[in-house]
Amino acid sequence: LHVAPFGTFVHSTLAAPFDKAKLT
């Protein structure tokens, strides 16, 4: 039971003034 090869996708959402981020 493992993370599949290349199995993560980390992307972020920011809004001006870019002082907060949400990572999915």
mmCIF file of all heavy atoms, coordinates in Angstrom:
data_MODEL
# 
_entry.id   MODEL 
# 
loop_
_atom_site.group_PDB 
_atom_site.id 
_atom_site.type_symbol 
_atom_site.label_atom_id 
_atom_site.label_alt_id 
_atom_site.label_comp_id 
_atom_site.label_asym_id 
_atom_site.label_entity_id 
_atom_site.label_seq_id 
_atom_site.pdbx_PDB_ins_code 
_atom_site.Cartn_x 
_atom_site.Cartn_y 
_atom_site.Cartn_z 
_atom_site.occupancy 
_atom_site.B_iso_or_equiv 
_atom_site.pdbx_formal_charge 
_atom_site.auth_seq_id 
_atom_site.auth_comp_id 
_atom_site.auth_asym_id 
_atom_site.auth_atom_id 
_atom_site.pdbx_PDB_model_num 
ATOM 1   N N   . LEU A 1 1  ? 0.862  -1.178 0.000   1.00 0.00 ? 1  LEU A N   1 
ATOM 2   C CA  . LEU A 1 1  ? 0.000  0.000  0.000   1.00 0.00 ? 1  LEU A CA  1 
ATOM 3   C C   . LEU A 1 1  ? 0.900  1.231  0.000   1.00 0.00 ? 1  LEU A C   1 
ATOM 4   O O   . LEU A 1 1  ? 1.645  1.469  0.962   1.00 0.00 ? 1  LEU A O   1 
ATOM 5   C CB  . LEU A 1 1  ? -0.910 -0.008 1.233   1.00 0.00 ? 1  LEU A CB  1 
ATOM 6   C CG  . LEU A 1 1  ? -2.051 1.019  1.238   1.00 0.00 ? 1  LEU A CG  1 
ATOM 7   C CD1 . LEU A 1 1  ? -3.079 0.688  0.177   1.00 0.00 ? 1  LEU A CD1 1 
ATOM 8   C CD2 . LEU A 1 1  ? -2.703 1.094  2.612   1.00 0.00 ? 1  LEU A CD2 1 
ATOM 9   N N   . HIS A 1 2  ? 0.855  2.023  -1.055  1.00 0.00 ? 2  HIS A N   1 
ATOM 10  C CA  . HIS A 1 2  ? 1.841  3.082  -1.220  1.00 0.00 ? 2  HIS A CA  1 
ATOM 11  C C   . HIS A 1 2  ? 1.314  4.181  -2.129  1.00 0.00 ? 2  HIS A C   1 
ATOM 12  O O   . HIS A 1 2  ? 0.330  3.991  -2.853  1.00 0.00 ? 2  HIS A O   1 
ATOM 13  C CB  . HIS A 1 2  ? 3.135  2.512  -1.818  1.00 0.00 ? 2  HIS A CB  1 
ATOM 14  C CG  . HIS A 1 2  ? 2.916  1.837  -3.139  1.00 0.00 ? 2  HIS A CG  1 
ATOM 15  N ND1 . HIS A 1 2  ? 2.542  0.510  -3.241  1.00 0.00 ? 2  HIS A ND1 1 
ATOM 16  C CD2 . HIS A 1 2  ? 3.001  2.292  -4.418  1.00 0.00 ? 2  HIS A CD2 1 
ATOM 17  C CE1 . HIS A 1 2  ? 2.404  0.188  -4.518  1.00 0.00 ? 2  HIS A CE1 1 
ATOM 18  N NE2 . HIS A 1 2  ? 2.670  1.255  -5.242  1.00 0.00 ? 2  HIS A NE2 1 
ATOM 19  N N   . VAL A 1 3  ? 1.989  5.313  -2.102  1.00 0.00 ? 3  VAL A N   1 
ATOM 20  C CA  . VAL A 1 3  ? 1.714  6.371  -3.066  1.00 0.00 ? 3  VAL A CA  1 
ATOM 21  C C   . VAL A 1 3  ? 2.203  5.898  -4.431  1.00 0.00 ? 3  VAL A C   1 
ATOM 22  O O   . VAL A 1 3  ? 3.347  5.466  -4.574  1.00 0.00 ? 3  VAL A O   1 
ATOM 23  C CB  . VAL A 1 3  ? 2.410  7.686  -2.671  1.00 0.00 ? 3  VAL A CB  1 
ATOM 24  C CG1 . VAL A 1 3  ? 2.169  8.754  -3.732  1.00 0.00 ? 3  VAL A CG1 1 
ATOM 25  C CG2 . VAL A 1 3  ? 1.904  8.166  -1.311  1.00 0.00 ? 3  VAL A CG2 1 
ATOM 26  N N   . ALA A 1 4  ? 1.334  5.975  -5.424  1.00 0.00 ? 4  ALA A N   1 
ATOM 27  C CA  . ALA A 1 4  ? 1.677  5.503  -6.759  1.00 0.00 ? 4  ALA A CA  1 
ATOM 28  C C   . ALA A 1 4  ? 2.814  6.335  -7.344  1.00 0.00 ? 4  ALA A C   1 
ATOM 29  O O   . ALA A 1 4  ? 3.037  7.484  -6.929  1.00 0.00 ? 4  ALA A O   1 
ATOM 30  C CB  . ALA A 1 4  ? 0.453  5.581  -7.667  1.00 0.00 ? 4  ALA A CB  1 
ATOM 31  N N   . PRO A 1 5  ? 3.561  5.797  -8.308  1.00 0.00 ? 5  PRO A N   1 
ATOM 32  C CA  . PRO A 1 5  ? 4.603  6.600  -8.959  1.00 0.00 ? 5  PRO A CA  1 
ATOM 33  C C   . PRO A 1 5  ? 4.032  7.909  -9.504  1.00 0.00 ? 5  PRO A C   1 
ATOM 34  O O   . PRO A 1 5  ? 3.012  7.911  -10.188 1.00 0.00 ? 5  PRO A O   1 
ATOM 35  C CB  . PRO A 1 5  ? 5.086  5.679  -10.085 1.00 0.00 ? 5  PRO A CB  1 
ATOM 36  C CG  . PRO A 1 5  ? 4.801  4.303  -9.608  1.00 0.00 ? 5  PRO A CG  1 
ATOM 37  C CD  . PRO A 1 5  ? 3.520  4.417  -8.822  1.00 0.00 ? 5  PRO A CD  1 
ATOM 38  N N   . PHE A 1 6  ? 4.696  9.015  -9.155  1.00 0.00 ? 6  PHE A N   1 
ATOM 39  C CA  . PHE A 1 6  ? 4.242  10.362 -9.542  1.00 0.00 ? 6  PHE A CA  1 
ATOM 40  C C   . PHE A 1 6  ? 2.799  10.584 -9.083  1.00 0.00 ? 6  PHE A C   1 
ATOM 41  O O   . PHE A 1 6  ? 2.002  11.221 -9.771  1.00 0.00 ? 6  PHE A O   1 
ATOM 42  C CB  . PHE A 1 6  ? 4.373  10.566 -11.052 1.00 0.00 ? 6  PHE A CB  1 
ATOM 43  C CG  . PHE A 1 6  ? 5.682  10.082 -11.617 1.00 0.00 ? 6  PHE A CG  1 
ATOM 44  C CD1 . PHE A 1 6  ? 5.731  9.052  -12.541 1.00 0.00 ? 6  PHE A CD1 1 
ATOM 45  C CD2 . PHE A 1 6  ? 6.873  10.629 -11.184 1.00 0.00 ? 6  PHE A CD2 1 
ATOM 46  C CE1 . PHE A 1 6  ? 6.938  8.590  -13.041 1.00 0.00 ? 6  PHE A CE1 1 
ATOM 47  C CE2 . PHE A 1 6  ? 8.092  10.182 -11.675 1.00 0.00 ? 6  PHE A CE2 1 
ATOM 48  C CZ  . PHE A 1 6  ? 8.127  9.156  -12.611 1.00 0.00 ? 6  PHE A CZ  1 
ATOM 49  N N   . GLY A 1 7  ? 2.486  10.085 -7.893  1.00 0.00 ? 7  GLY A N   1 
ATOM 50  C CA  . GLY A 1 7  ? 1.107  10.025 -7.440  1.00 0.00 ? 7  GLY A CA  1 
ATOM 51  C C   . GLY A 1 7  ? 0.620  11.217 -6.644  1.00 0.00 ? 7  GLY A C   1 
ATOM 52  O O   . GLY A 1 7  ? -0.512 11.186 -6.139  1.00 0.00 ? 7  GLY A O   1 
ATOM 53  N N   . THR A 1 8  ? 1.439  12.255 -6.468  1.00 0.00 ? 8  THR A N   1 
ATOM 54  C CA  . THR A 1 8  ? 0.969  13.449 -5.780  1.00 0.00 ? 8  THR A CA  1 
ATOM 55  C C   . THR A 1 8  ? 0.877  14.616 -6.755  1.00 0.00 ? 8  THR A C   1 
ATOM 56  O O   . THR A 1 8  ? 1.658  14.722 -7.700  1.00 0.00 ? 8  THR A O   1 
ATOM 57  C CB  . THR A 1 8  ? 1.900  13.845 -4.621  1.00 0.00 ? 8  THR A CB  1 
ATOM 58  O OG1 . THR A 1 8  ? 3.222  14.058 -5.133  1.00 0.00 ? 8  THR A OG1 1 
ATOM 59  C CG2 . THR A 1 8  ? 1.927  12.785 -3.546  1.00 0.00 ? 8  THR A CG2 1 
ATOM 60  N N   . PHE A 1 9  ? -0.078 15.480 -6.512  1.00 0.00 ? 9  PHE A N   1 
ATOM 61  C CA  . PHE A 1 9  ? -0.231 16.716 -7.276  1.00 0.00 ? 9  PHE A CA  1 
ATOM 62  C C   . PHE A 1 9  ? -0.532 17.813 -6.267  1.00 0.00 ? 9  PHE A C   1 
ATOM 63  O O   . PHE A 1 9  ? -1.615 17.862 -5.681  1.00 0.00 ? 9  PHE A O   1 
ATOM 64  C CB  . PHE A 1 9  ? -1.342 16.587 -8.309  1.00 0.00 ? 9  PHE A CB  1 
ATOM 65  C CG  . PHE A 1 9  ? -1.516 17.798 -9.188  1.00 0.00 ? 9  PHE A CG  1 
ATOM 66  C CD1 . PHE A 1 9  ? -0.498 18.725 -9.357  1.00 0.00 ? 9  PHE A CD1 1 
ATOM 67  C CD2 . PHE A 1 9  ? -2.705 18.015 -9.879  1.00 0.00 ? 9  PHE A CD2 1 
ATOM 68  C CE1 . PHE A 1 9  ? -0.646 19.835 -10.175 1.00 0.00 ? 9  PHE A CE1 1 
ATOM 69  C CE2 . PHE A 1 9  ? -2.874 19.112 -10.699 1.00 0.00 ? 9  PHE A CE2 1 
ATOM 70  C CZ  . PHE A 1 9  ? -1.840 20.022 -10.852 1.00 0.00 ? 9  PHE A CZ  1 
ATOM 71  N N   . VAL A 1 10 ? 0.455  18.697 -6.028  1.00 0.00 ? 10 VAL A N   1 
ATOM 72  C CA  . VAL A 1 10 ? 0.330  19.759 -5.042  1.00 0.00 ? 10 VAL A CA  1 
ATOM 73  C C   . VAL A 1 10 ? 0.239  21.082 -5.793  1.00 0.00 ? 10 VAL A C   1 
ATOM 74  O O   . VAL A 1 10 ? 1.171  21.468 -6.502  1.00 0.00 ? 10 VAL A O   1 
ATOM 75  C CB  . VAL A 1 10 ? 1.547  19.774 -4.084  1.00 0.00 ? 10 VAL A CB  1 
ATOM 76  C CG1 . VAL A 1 10 ? 1.350  20.823 -2.999  1.00 0.00 ? 10 VAL A CG1 1 
ATOM 77  C CG2 . VAL A 1 10 ? 1.763  18.401 -3.477  1.00 0.00 ? 10 VAL A CG2 1 
ATOM 78  N N   . HIS A 1 11 ? -0.875 21.766 -5.645  1.00 0.00 ? 11 HIS A N   1 
ATOM 79  C CA  . HIS A 1 11 ? -1.029 23.054 -6.322  1.00 0.00 ? 11 HIS A CA  1 
ATOM 80  C C   . HIS A 1 11 ? -1.687 24.051 -5.369  1.00 0.00 ? 11 HIS A C   1 
ATOM 81  O O   . HIS A 1 11 ? -2.412 23.685 -4.444  1.00 0.00 ? 11 HIS A O   1 
ATOM 82  C CB  . HIS A 1 11 ? -1.827 22.921 -7.617  1.00 0.00 ? 11 HIS A CB  1 
ATOM 83  C CG  . HIS A 1 11 ? -3.103 22.147 -7.499  1.00 0.00 ? 11 HIS A CG  1 
ATOM 84  N ND1 . HIS A 1 11 ? -4.327 22.741 -7.317  1.00 0.00 ? 11 HIS A ND1 1 
ATOM 85  C CD2 . HIS A 1 11 ? -3.350 20.805 -7.545  1.00 0.00 ? 11 HIS A CD2 1 
ATOM 86  C CE1 . HIS A 1 11 ? -5.275 21.819 -7.268  1.00 0.00 ? 11 HIS A CE1 1 
ATOM 87  N NE2 . HIS A 1 11 ? -4.714 20.628 -7.401  1.00 0.00 ? 11 HIS A NE2 1 
ATOM 88  N N   . SER A 1 12 ? -1.387 25.318 -5.592  1.00 0.00 ? 12 SER A N   1 
ATOM 89  C CA  . SER A 1 12 ? -1.802 26.352 -4.655  1.00 0.00 ? 12 SER A CA  1 
ATOM 90  C C   . SER A 1 12 ? -2.711 27.371 -5.316  1.00 0.00 ? 12 SER A C   1 
ATOM 91  O O   . SER A 1 12 ? -2.639 27.619 -6.521  1.00 0.00 ? 12 SER A O   1 
ATOM 92  C CB  . SER A 1 12 ? -0.570 27.060 -4.069  1.00 0.00 ? 12 SER A CB  1 
ATOM 93  O OG  . SER A 1 12 ? 0.278  27.523 -5.096  1.00 0.00 ? 12 SER A OG  1 
ATOM 94  N N   . THR A 1 13 ? -3.565 27.983 -4.493  1.00 0.00 ? 13 THR A N   1 
ATOM 95  C CA  . THR A 1 13 ? -4.452 29.059 -4.919  1.00 0.00 ? 13 THR A CA  1 
ATOM 96  C C   . THR A 1 13 ? -4.143 30.287 -4.076  1.00 0.00 ? 13 THR A C   1 
ATOM 97  O O   . THR A 1 13 ? -4.118 30.205 -2.844  1.00 0.00 ? 13 THR A O   1 
ATOM 98  C CB  . THR A 1 13 ? -5.928 28.664 -4.736  1.00 0.00 ? 13 THR A CB  1 
ATOM 99  O OG1 . THR A 1 13 ? -6.196 27.461 -5.471  1.00 0.00 ? 13 THR A OG1 1 
ATOM 100 C CG2 . THR A 1 13 ? -6.846 29.768 -5.227  1.00 0.00 ? 13 THR A CG2 1 
ATOM 101 N N   . LEU A 1 14 ? -3.886 31.410 -4.743  1.00 0.00 ? 14 LEU A N   1 
ATOM 102 C CA  . LEU A 1 14 ? -3.596 32.665 -4.055  1.00 0.00 ? 14 LEU A CA  1 
ATOM 103 C C   . LEU A 1 14 ? -4.477 33.763 -4.616  1.00 0.00 ? 14 LEU A C   1 
ATOM 104 O O   . LEU A 1 14 ? -4.927 33.689 -5.754  1.00 0.00 ? 14 LEU A O   1 
ATOM 105 C CB  . LEU A 1 14 ? -2.131 33.068 -4.228  1.00 0.00 ? 14 LEU A CB  1 
ATOM 106 C CG  . LEU A 1 14 ? -1.066 32.128 -3.685  1.00 0.00 ? 14 LEU A CG  1 
ATOM 107 C CD1 . LEU A 1 14 ? -0.316 31.478 -4.833  1.00 0.00 ? 14 LEU A CD1 1 
ATOM 108 C CD2 . LEU A 1 14 ? -0.100 32.884 -2.777  1.00 0.00 ? 14 LEU A CD2 1 
ATOM 109 N N   . ALA A 1 15 ? -4.694 34.767 -3.819  1.00 0.00 ? 15 ALA A N   1 
ATOM 110 C CA  . ALA A 1 15 ? -5.406 35.965 -4.269  1.00 0.00 ? 15 ALA A CA  1 
ATOM 111 C C   . ALA A 1 15 ? -4.663 37.183 -3.735  1.00 0.00 ? 15 ALA A C   1 
ATOM 112 O O   . ALA A 1 15 ? -4.051 37.131 -2.657  1.00 0.00 ? 15 ALA A O   1 
ATOM 113 C CB  . ALA A 1 15 ? -6.849 35.961 -3.774  1.00 0.00 ? 15 ALA A CB  1 
ATOM 114 N N   . ALA A 1 16 ? -4.676 38.269 -4.505  1.00 0.00 ? 16 ALA A N   1 
ATOM 115 C CA  . ALA A 1 16 ? -3.997 39.497 -4.079  1.00 0.00 ? 16 ALA A CA  1 
ATOM 116 C C   . ALA A 1 16 ? -4.501 39.910 -2.696  1.00 0.00 ? 16 ALA A C   1 
ATOM 117 O O   . ALA A 1 16 ? -5.693 39.797 -2.412  1.00 0.00 ? 16 ALA A O   1 
ATOM 118 C CB  . ALA A 1 16 ? -4.247 40.609 -5.090  1.00 0.00 ? 16 ALA A CB  1 
ATOM 119 N N   . PRO A 1 17 ? -3.606 40.296 -1.796  1.00 0.00 ? 17 PRO A N   1 
ATOM 120 C CA  . PRO A 1 17 ? -2.185 40.624 -1.998  1.00 0.00 ? 17 PRO A CA  1 
ATOM 121 C C   . PRO A 1 17 ? -1.242 39.429 -1.804  1.00 0.00 ? 17 PRO A C   1 
ATOM 122 O O   . PRO A 1 17 ? -0.085 39.621 -1.419  1.00 0.00 ? 17 PRO A O   1 
ATOM 123 C CB  . PRO A 1 17 ? -1.934 41.704 -0.949  1.00 0.00 ? 17 PRO A CB  1 
ATOM 124 C CG  . PRO A 1 17 ? -2.820 41.291 0.199   1.00 0.00 ? 17 PRO A CG  1 
ATOM 125 C CD  . PRO A 1 17 ? -4.062 40.718 -0.441  1.00 0.00 ? 17 PRO A CD  1 
ATOM 126 N N   . PHE A 1 18 ? -1.712 38.217 -2.041  1.00 0.00 ? 18 PHE A N   1 
ATOM 127 C CA  . PHE A 1 18 ? -0.871 37.016 -2.031  1.00 0.00 ? 18 PHE A CA  1 
ATOM 128 C C   . PHE A 1 18 ? -0.233 36.748 -0.672  1.00 0.00 ? 18 PHE A C   1 
ATOM 129 O O   . PHE A 1 18 ? 0.910  36.274 -0.589  1.00 0.00 ? 18 PHE A O   1 
ATOM 130 C CB  . PHE A 1 18 ? 0.219  37.107 -3.112  1.00 0.00 ? 18 PHE A CB  1 
ATOM 131 C CG  . PHE A 1 18 ? -0.324 37.360 -4.486  1.00 0.00 ? 18 PHE A CG  1 
ATOM 132 C CD1 . PHE A 1 18 ? -0.095 38.573 -5.123  1.00 0.00 ? 18 PHE A CD1 1 
ATOM 133 C CD2 . PHE A 1 18 ? -1.088 36.407 -5.133  1.00 0.00 ? 18 PHE A CD2 1 
ATOM 134 C CE1 . PHE A 1 18 ? -0.604 38.819 -6.384  1.00 0.00 ? 18 PHE A CE1 1 
ATOM 135 C CE2 . PHE A 1 18 ? -1.606 36.645 -6.396  1.00 0.00 ? 18 PHE A CE2 1 
ATOM 136 C CZ  . PHE A 1 18 ? -1.369 37.847 -7.026  1.00 0.00 ? 18 PHE A CZ  1 
ATOM 137 N N   . ASP A 1 19 ? -0.955 37.063 0.402   1.00 0.00 ? 19 ASP A N   1 
ATOM 138 C CA  . ASP A 1 19 ? -0.441 36.795 1.741   1.00 0.00 ? 19 ASP A CA  1 
ATOM 139 C C   . ASP A 1 19 ? -1.087 35.569 2.371   1.00 0.00 ? 19 ASP A C   1 
ATOM 140 O O   . ASP A 1 19 ? -0.788 35.220 3.512   1.00 0.00 ? 19 ASP A O   1 
ATOM 141 C CB  . ASP A 1 19 ? -0.641 38.009 2.656   1.00 0.00 ? 19 ASP A CB  1 
ATOM 142 C CG  . ASP A 1 19 ? -2.102 38.411 2.763   1.00 0.00 ? 19 ASP A CG  1 
ATOM 143 O OD1 . ASP A 1 19 ? -2.927 37.916 1.956   1.00 0.00 ? 19 ASP A OD1 1 
ATOM 144 O OD2 . ASP A 1 19 ? -2.432 39.226 3.647   1.00 0.00 ? 19 ASP A OD2 1 
ATOM 145 N N   . LYS A 1 20 ? -1.964 34.913 1.620   1.00 0.00 ? 20 LYS A N   1 
ATOM 146 C CA  . LYS A 1 20 ? -2.585 33.670 2.074   1.00 0.00 ? 20 LYS A CA  1 
ATOM 147 C C   . LYS A 1 20 ? -2.608 32.690 0.904   1.00 0.00 ? 20 LYS A C   1 
ATOM 148 O O   . LYS A 1 20 ? -2.843 33.078 -0.239  1.00 0.00 ? 20 LYS A O   1 
ATOM 149 C CB  . LYS A 1 20 ? -4.008 33.905 2.591   1.00 0.00 ? 20 LYS A CB  1 
ATOM 150 C CG  . LYS A 1 20 ? -4.102 34.772 3.839   1.00 0.00 ? 20 LYS A CG  1 
ATOM 151 C CD  . LYS A 1 20 ? -5.538 34.931 4.281   1.00 0.00 ? 20 LYS A CD  1 
ATOM 152 C CE  . LYS A 1 20 ? -5.640 35.850 5.500   1.00 0.00 ? 20 LYS A CE  1 
ATOM 153 N NZ  . LYS A 1 20 ? -4.977 35.254 6.682   1.00 0.00 ? 20 LYS A NZ  1 
ATOM 154 N N   . ALA A 1 21 ? -2.371 31.435 1.214   1.00 0.00 ? 21 ALA A N   1 
ATOM 155 C CA  . ALA A 1 21 ? -2.361 30.400 0.182   1.00 0.00 ? 21 ALA A CA  1 
ATOM 156 C C   . ALA A 1 21 ? -3.156 29.194 0.658   1.00 0.00 ? 21 ALA A C   1 
ATOM 157 O O   . ALA A 1 21 ? -3.143 28.856 1.847   1.00 0.00 ? 21 ALA A O   1 
ATOM 158 C CB  . ALA A 1 21 ? -0.934 29.984 -0.158  1.00 0.00 ? 21 ALA A CB  1 
ATOM 159 N N   . LYS A 1 22 ? -3.843 28.569 -0.277  1.00 0.00 ? 22 LYS A N   1 
ATOM 160 C CA  . LYS A 1 22 ? -4.497 27.293 -0.005  1.00 0.00 ? 22 LYS A CA  1 
ATOM 161 C C   . LYS A 1 22 ? -3.850 26.246 -0.894  1.00 0.00 ? 22 LYS A C   1 
ATOM 162 O O   . LYS A 1 22 ? -3.869 26.348 -2.118  1.00 0.00 ? 22 LYS A O   1 
ATOM 163 C CB  . LYS A 1 22 ? -5.996 27.361 -0.293  1.00 0.00 ? 22 LYS A CB  1 
ATOM 164 C CG  . LYS A 1 22 ? -6.719 26.043 0.042   1.00 0.00 ? 22 LYS A CG  1 
ATOM 165 C CD  . LYS A 1 22 ? -8.201 26.109 -0.269  1.00 0.00 ? 22 LYS A CD  1 
ATOM 166 C CE  . LYS A 1 22 ? -8.459 25.991 -1.763  1.00 0.00 ? 22 LYS A CE  1 
ATOM 167 N NZ  . LYS A 1 22 ? -9.899 25.868 -2.081  1.00 0.00 ? 22 LYS A NZ  1 
ATOM 168 N N   . LEU A 1 23 ? -3.238 25.241 -0.262  1.00 0.00 ? 23 LEU A N   1 
ATOM 169 C CA  . LEU A 1 23 ? -2.610 24.153 -0.996  1.00 0.00 ? 23 LEU A CA  1 
ATOM 170 C C   . LEU A 1 23 ? -3.585 22.987 -1.103  1.00 0.00 ? 23 LEU A C   1 
ATOM 171 O O   . LEU A 1 23 ? -4.142 22.532 -0.091  1.00 0.00 ? 23 LEU A O   1 
ATOM 172 C CB  . LEU A 1 23 ? -1.335 23.683 -0.296  1.00 0.00 ? 23 LEU A CB  1 
ATOM 173 C CG  . LEU A 1 23 ? -0.033 24.405 -0.660  1.00 0.00 ? 23 LEU A CG  1 
ATOM 174 C CD1 . LEU A 1 23 ? -0.092 25.860 -0.213  1.00 0.00 ? 23 LEU A CD1 1 
ATOM 175 C CD2 . LEU A 1 23 ? 1.163  23.696 -0.065  1.00 0.00 ? 23 LEU A CD2 1 
ATOM 176 N N   . THR A 1 24 ? -3.800 22.550 -2.313  1.00 0.00 ? 24 THR A N   1 
ATOM 177 C CA  . THR A 1 24 ? -4.608 21.356 -2.564  1.00 0.00 ? 24 THR A CA  1 
ATOM 178 C C   . THR A 1 24 ? -3.657 20.202 -2.872  1.00 0.00 ? 24 THR A C   1 
ATOM 179 O O   . THR A 1 24 ? -2.776 20.328 -3.724  1.00 0.00 ? 24 THR A O   1 
ATOM 180 C CB  . THR A 1 24 ? -5.564 21.575 -3.739  1.00 0.00 ? 24 THR A CB  1 
ATOM 181 O OG1 . THR A 1 24 ? -6.430 22.673 -3.436  1.00 0.00 ? 24 THR A OG1 1 
ATOM 182 C CG2 . THR A 1 24 ? -6.413 20.339 -3.994  1.00 0.00 ? 24 THR A CG2 1 
# 
